C-alpha cells in the first residue's frame, strides 16, 4: 500500500492523474484512504456510495492480436470516451453469462478490458447482456436505507467530477442526522443524503452496514462529529 501525506487527502483535483480509481493508501497516522471520483457534489462529512450500475443489452465481443477477448461492443451506443474507465462488469445474461471483468478504457461503442480480466467465452449479440458497476465513482448515500455498500466518508468537499481521497479506516468526521451514542455504531439511513444515524442494536451486518463507532457525541442533529471509521 502506498503512503500519502495529510496534504494529499485535503486536496481534490479535476484531473485523474497517475492513480487508478480504487487505489488505497495510508497517511502517517495509519488511516486508510480510497481514491475516488465524485459523480455529484459531495460535502465534507458525507458518506459516499457507488454510483448507479448501468445495464447494457445485446453486446458482442472481439479479440486482440493475441487472441484475448478484451473488446465488448454495443453498436451505436454513443458513449462518452472513458465514461466507463475503471468500471467492473459481469455478463449477467445469455451467452457467456457469469464472466466478470474490469474496463480499462472505452470509446463511443467499445469497452476495452484490462487484459488480466479478458473473457474466456465470446459474447453473442443475439442474447449477451452485461451490467457495469462503479465502486469508486461515488455519490452521497441515499436517504432511508441502512445498507448501501459505502465506499468511505469524505473529509473534504468534492465538486462534481473531481478526484480525491475518502476515509475508509481511521479517525475522522461525519455529519450525523441525530445525536450518536458514545462508543456505539452508526450507519446510513438518515433523511438527508450523505448523513448517518445511530446503528440499531437488534440489526446486524446482514441488515445494516455498520460504518464505525462514535468518538464524541454531537450536541445536535445535522452536525459534524468525530468518529472512528471502519468500512
Protein backbone atom coordinates (compact mmCIF):
# COMPACT_ATOMS: atom_id res chain seq x y z
CA UNK A 1 0.00 0.00 0.00
CA UNK A 2 1.30 3.47 -0.89
CA UNK A 3 1.92 6.27 1.61
CA UNK A 4 0.34 9.70 1.13
CA UNK A 5 0.55 12.93 3.11
CA UNK A 6 -2.14 14.75 5.08
CA UNK A 7 -1.94 17.46 2.43
CA UNK A 8 -2.84 14.88 -0.24
CA UNK A 9 -6.09 13.90 1.47
CA UNK A 10 -7.11 17.54 1.89
CA UNK A 11 -6.95 18.24 -1.84
CA UNK A 12 -9.19 17.41 -4.78
CA UNK A 13 -8.40 17.74 -8.47
CA UNK A 14 -10.32 17.84 -11.73
CA UNK A 15 -7.78 15.50 -13.40
CA UNK A 16 -7.33 11.78 -12.72
CA UNK A 17 -3.54 11.99 -12.55
CA UNK A 18 -1.38 8.90 -12.14
CA UNK A 19 -3.56 6.87 -9.76
CA UNK A 20 -6.21 4.32 -10.65
CA UNK A 21 -9.64 4.72 -9.08
CA UNK A 22 -9.86 2.43 -6.06
CA UNK A 23 -6.21 2.86 -5.09
CA UNK A 24 -5.81 2.55 -1.32
CA UNK A 25 -3.20 4.47 0.65
CA UNK A 26 -2.14 5.19 4.24
CA UNK A 27 -1.41 8.53 5.88
CA UNK A 28 1.34 8.75 8.56
CA UNK A 29 -1.23 8.17 11.35
CA UNK A 30 -2.13 4.76 9.89
CA UNK A 31 -5.51 5.80 8.46
CA UNK A 32 -6.57 4.15 5.20
CA UNK A 33 -7.96 6.15 2.29
CA UNK A 34 -9.51 5.26 -1.08
CA UNK A 35 -9.08 7.25 -4.30
CA UNK A 36 -12.46 8.08 -5.90
CA UNK A 37 -14.23 10.27 -8.45
CA UNK A 38 -17.28 12.28 -7.39
CA UNK A 39 -20.32 11.78 -9.63
CA UNK A 40 -22.03 14.70 -7.88
CA UNK A 41 -21.13 17.46 -5.41
CA UNK A 42 -20.21 15.96 -2.04
CA UNK A 43 -19.77 17.81 1.26
CA UNK A 44 -17.13 17.10 3.88
CA UNK A 45 -18.51 14.52 6.30
CA UNK A 46 -20.74 12.79 3.75
CA UNK A 47 -20.85 9.01 3.38
CA UNK A 48 -20.19 8.08 -0.25
CA UNK A 49 -21.53 5.02 -2.08
CA UNK A 50 -21.01 3.59 -5.57
CA UNK A 51 -22.71 5.34 -8.48
CA UNK A 52 -25.68 3.57 -10.06
CA UNK A 53 -24.98 0.44 -12.10
CA UNK A 54 -25.58 0.53 -15.85
CA UNK A 55 -27.10 -2.33 -17.83
CA UNK A 56 -26.14 -2.81 -21.48
CA UNK A 57 -28.10 -5.30 -23.60
CA UNK A 58 -27.15 -7.37 -26.66
CA UNK A 59 -23.40 -6.86 -26.83
CA UNK A 60 -20.78 -8.62 -28.93
CA UNK A 61 -17.09 -9.26 -28.28
CA UNK A 62 -13.83 -9.34 -30.21
CA UNK A 63 -10.20 -10.33 -29.68
CA UNK A 64 -6.88 -8.53 -29.82
CA UNK A 65 -3.94 -9.72 -31.93
CA UNK A 66 -3.01 -12.27 -29.25
CA UNK A 67 -6.49 -13.80 -29.32
CA UNK A 68 -7.59 -12.39 -25.96
CA UNK A 69 -11.26 -11.39 -25.72
CA UNK A 70 -10.83 -7.85 -24.45
CA UNK A 71 -13.32 -5.88 -26.58
CA UNK A 72 -17.05 -5.62 -25.84
CA UNK A 73 -19.13 -3.66 -28.35
CA UNK A 74 -22.60 -2.12 -28.32
CA UNK A 75 -23.21 -0.84 -31.85
CA UNK A 76 -24.49 2.74 -31.91
CA UNK A 77 -24.08 3.21 -28.14
CA UNK A 78 -22.72 6.76 -28.35
CA UNK A 79 -20.81 6.51 -25.09
CA UNK A 80 -18.57 9.33 -23.87
CA UNK A 81 -14.90 8.38 -24.19
CA UNK A 82 -13.64 6.82 -20.92
CA UNK A 83 -17.01 7.21 -19.21
CA UNK A 84 -16.64 3.59 -18.07
CA UNK A 85 -12.89 3.57 -17.37
CA UNK A 86 -12.28 1.66 -14.15
CA UNK A 87 -15.75 0.12 -14.04
CA UNK A 88 -16.29 -3.52 -13.09
CA UNK A 89 -18.69 -5.66 -15.08
CA UNK A 90 -20.42 -9.00 -15.28
CA UNK A 91 -22.10 -10.85 -18.12
CA UNK A 92 -25.47 -11.28 -16.45
CA UNK A 93 -27.50 -12.96 -19.16
CA UNK A 94 -27.13 -15.01 -22.33
CA UNK A 95 -24.01 -16.47 -23.91
CA UNK A 96 -21.00 -16.17 -21.62
CA UNK A 97 -23.11 -15.47 -18.51
CA UNK A 98 -21.18 -15.31 -15.22
CA UNK A 99 -17.93 -13.84 -16.56
CA UNK A 100 -16.56 -10.83 -14.68
CA UNK A 101 -14.19 -8.17 -15.99
CA UNK A 102 -12.83 -4.65 -15.49
CA UNK A 103 -12.90 -1.87 -18.09
CA UNK A 104 -9.64 -0.08 -18.84
CA UNK A 105 -10.91 2.41 -21.45
CA UNK A 106 -13.86 2.93 -23.80
CA UNK A 107 -14.75 4.86 -26.93
CA UNK A 108 -18.21 5.60 -28.35
CA UNK A 109 -19.12 1.95 -28.94
CA UNK A 110 -16.47 -0.35 -27.47
CA UNK A 111 -15.21 -1.24 -23.99
CA UNK A 112 -11.56 -2.29 -23.79
CA UNK A 113 -10.96 -4.61 -20.84
CA UNK A 114 -7.86 -5.00 -18.73
CA UNK A 115 -6.03 -7.94 -20.26
CA UNK A 116 -5.90 -9.67 -16.87
CA UNK A 117 -9.73 -9.82 -16.93
CA UNK A 118 -10.11 -10.95 -20.55
CA UNK A 119 -13.20 -13.06 -21.21
CA UNK A 120 -12.86 -16.78 -21.81
CA UNK A 121 -16.14 -17.20 -23.72
CA UNK A 122 -17.06 -14.96 -26.65
CA UNK A 123 -20.31 -12.98 -26.37
CA UNK A 124 -23.22 -13.22 -28.79
CA UNK A 125 -25.07 -10.08 -29.86
CA UNK A 126 -28.25 -12.14 -30.00
CA UNK A 127 -28.50 -12.60 -26.23
CA UNK A 128 -25.43 -11.47 -24.23
CA UNK A 129 -26.18 -8.73 -21.69
CA UNK A 130 -23.79 -7.02 -19.27
CA UNK A 131 -24.05 -4.82 -16.19
CA UNK A 132 -21.36 -2.27 -15.27
CA UNK A 133 -20.82 -1.06 -11.72
CA UNK A 134 -18.67 1.78 -10.40
CA UNK A 135 -17.40 1.13 -6.86
CA UNK A 136 -15.05 4.13 -6.94
CA UNK A 137 -17.18 6.64 -8.83
CA UNK A 138 -19.31 7.81 -5.94
CA UNK A 139 -22.46 9.65 -4.89
CA UNK A 140 -23.72 10.71 -1.48
CA UNK A 141 -25.51 7.88 0.33
CA UNK A 142 -29.26 7.87 -0.25
CA UNK A 143 -31.86 8.51 2.41
CA UNK A 144 -33.58 5.81 4.48
CA UNK A 145 -31.52 2.74 3.56
CA UNK A 146 -29.09 1.42 6.23
CA UNK A 147 -27.28 -0.87 3.79
CA UNK A 148 -25.76 0.75 0.70
CA UNK A 149 -22.25 -0.66 0.36
CA UNK A 150 -20.49 2.53 1.49
CA UNK A 151 -17.07 3.21 -0.03
CA UNK A 152 -15.84 5.74 2.52
CA UNK A 153 -16.51 9.10 4.18
CA UNK A 154 -15.39 12.35 2.59
CA UNK A 155 -13.25 14.61 4.76
CA UNK A 156 -13.20 17.45 2.20
CA UNK A 157 -15.76 18.83 -0.24
CA UNK A 158 -15.78 17.49 -3.80
CA UNK A 159 -17.24 19.24 -6.83
CA UNK A 160 -18.90 17.09 -9.48
CA UNK A 161 -16.25 15.25 -11.49
CA UNK A 162 -13.40 15.87 -9.05
CA UNK A 163 -10.96 13.18 -7.86
CA UNK A 164 -9.62 12.75 -4.35
CA UNK A 165 -9.44 10.61 -1.21
CA UNK A 166 -12.18 9.40 1.14
CA UNK A 167 -11.59 7.86 4.55
CA UNK A 168 -12.03 4.09 4.82
CA UNK A 169 -10.43 3.36 8.19
CA UNK A 170 -9.34 5.80 10.90
CA UNK A 171 -10.47 8.83 12.90
CA UNK A 172 -12.44 11.49 11.06
CA UNK A 173 -15.67 13.44 10.83
CA UNK A 174 -19.15 12.51 9.67
CA UNK A 175 -22.38 14.51 9.56
CA UNK A 176 -24.88 12.85 11.89
CA UNK A 177 -28.62 13.37 11.47
CA UNK A 178 -29.19 12.61 15.15
CA UNK A 179 -27.09 12.54 18.30
CA UNK A 180 -24.85 9.47 18.13
CA UNK A 181 -24.22 7.36 21.21
CA UNK A 182 -20.67 7.45 22.53
CA UNK A 183 -18.85 4.27 21.57
CA UNK A 184 -21.81 2.97 19.56
CA UNK A 185 -22.04 2.26 15.86
CA UNK A 186 -23.55 4.37 13.11
CA UNK A 187 -24.94 3.68 9.67
CA UNK A 188 -26.52 5.29 6.62
CA UNK A 189 -30.27 5.86 6.61
CA UNK A 190 -30.82 9.47 7.67
CA UNK A 191 -33.47 11.64 5.98
CA UNK A 192 -30.69 13.71 4.38
CA UNK A 193 -28.35 12.33 1.72
CA UNK A 194 -24.83 11.53 2.92
CA UNK A 195 -25.65 11.71 6.64
CA UNK A 196 -25.71 8.94 9.24
CA UNK A 197 -27.84 7.76 12.14
CA UNK A 198 -27.27 5.52 15.16
CA UNK A 199 -26.95 1.84 14.40
CA UNK A 200 -29.81 -0.31 15.72
CA UNK A 201 -28.79 -2.84 18.36
CA UNK A 202 -31.07 -5.58 17.05
CA UNK A 203 -29.78 -5.30 13.48
CA UNK A 204 -26.52 -6.93 12.37
CA UNK A 205 -24.35 -6.63 9.30
CA UNK A 206 -26.84 -8.61 7.21
CA UNK A 207 -29.38 -5.82 7.72
CA UNK A 208 -27.29 -2.70 8.36
CA UNK A 209 -23.79 -1.67 7.27
CA UNK A 210 -22.06 -0.50 10.44
CA UNK A 211 -19.57 2.20 9.41
CA UNK A 212 -17.61 2.55 12.68
CA UNK A 213 -18.25 3.98 16.13
CA UNK A 214 -18.71 7.38 17.73
CA UNK A 215 -15.76 9.09 19.46
CA UNK A 216 -17.52 12.32 20.54
CA UNK A 217 -21.28 12.79 20.85
CA UNK A 218 -22.66 15.57 18.64
CA UNK A 219 -24.70 18.17 20.52
CA UNK A 220 -27.47 18.38 17.92
CA UNK A 221 -28.74 16.80 14.74
CA UNK A 222 -27.10 17.57 11.37
CA UNK A 223 -23.72 18.32 12.94
CA UNK A 224 -20.28 17.01 12.02
CA UNK A 225 -18.83 14.87 14.80
CA UNK A 226 -15.73 12.79 15.48
CA UNK A 227 -15.97 9.07 14.76
CA UNK A 228 -13.76 6.11 14.09
CA UNK A 229 -14.46 4.95 10.54
CA UNK A 230 -14.18 1.23 9.82
CA UNK A 231 -15.52 0.34 6.36
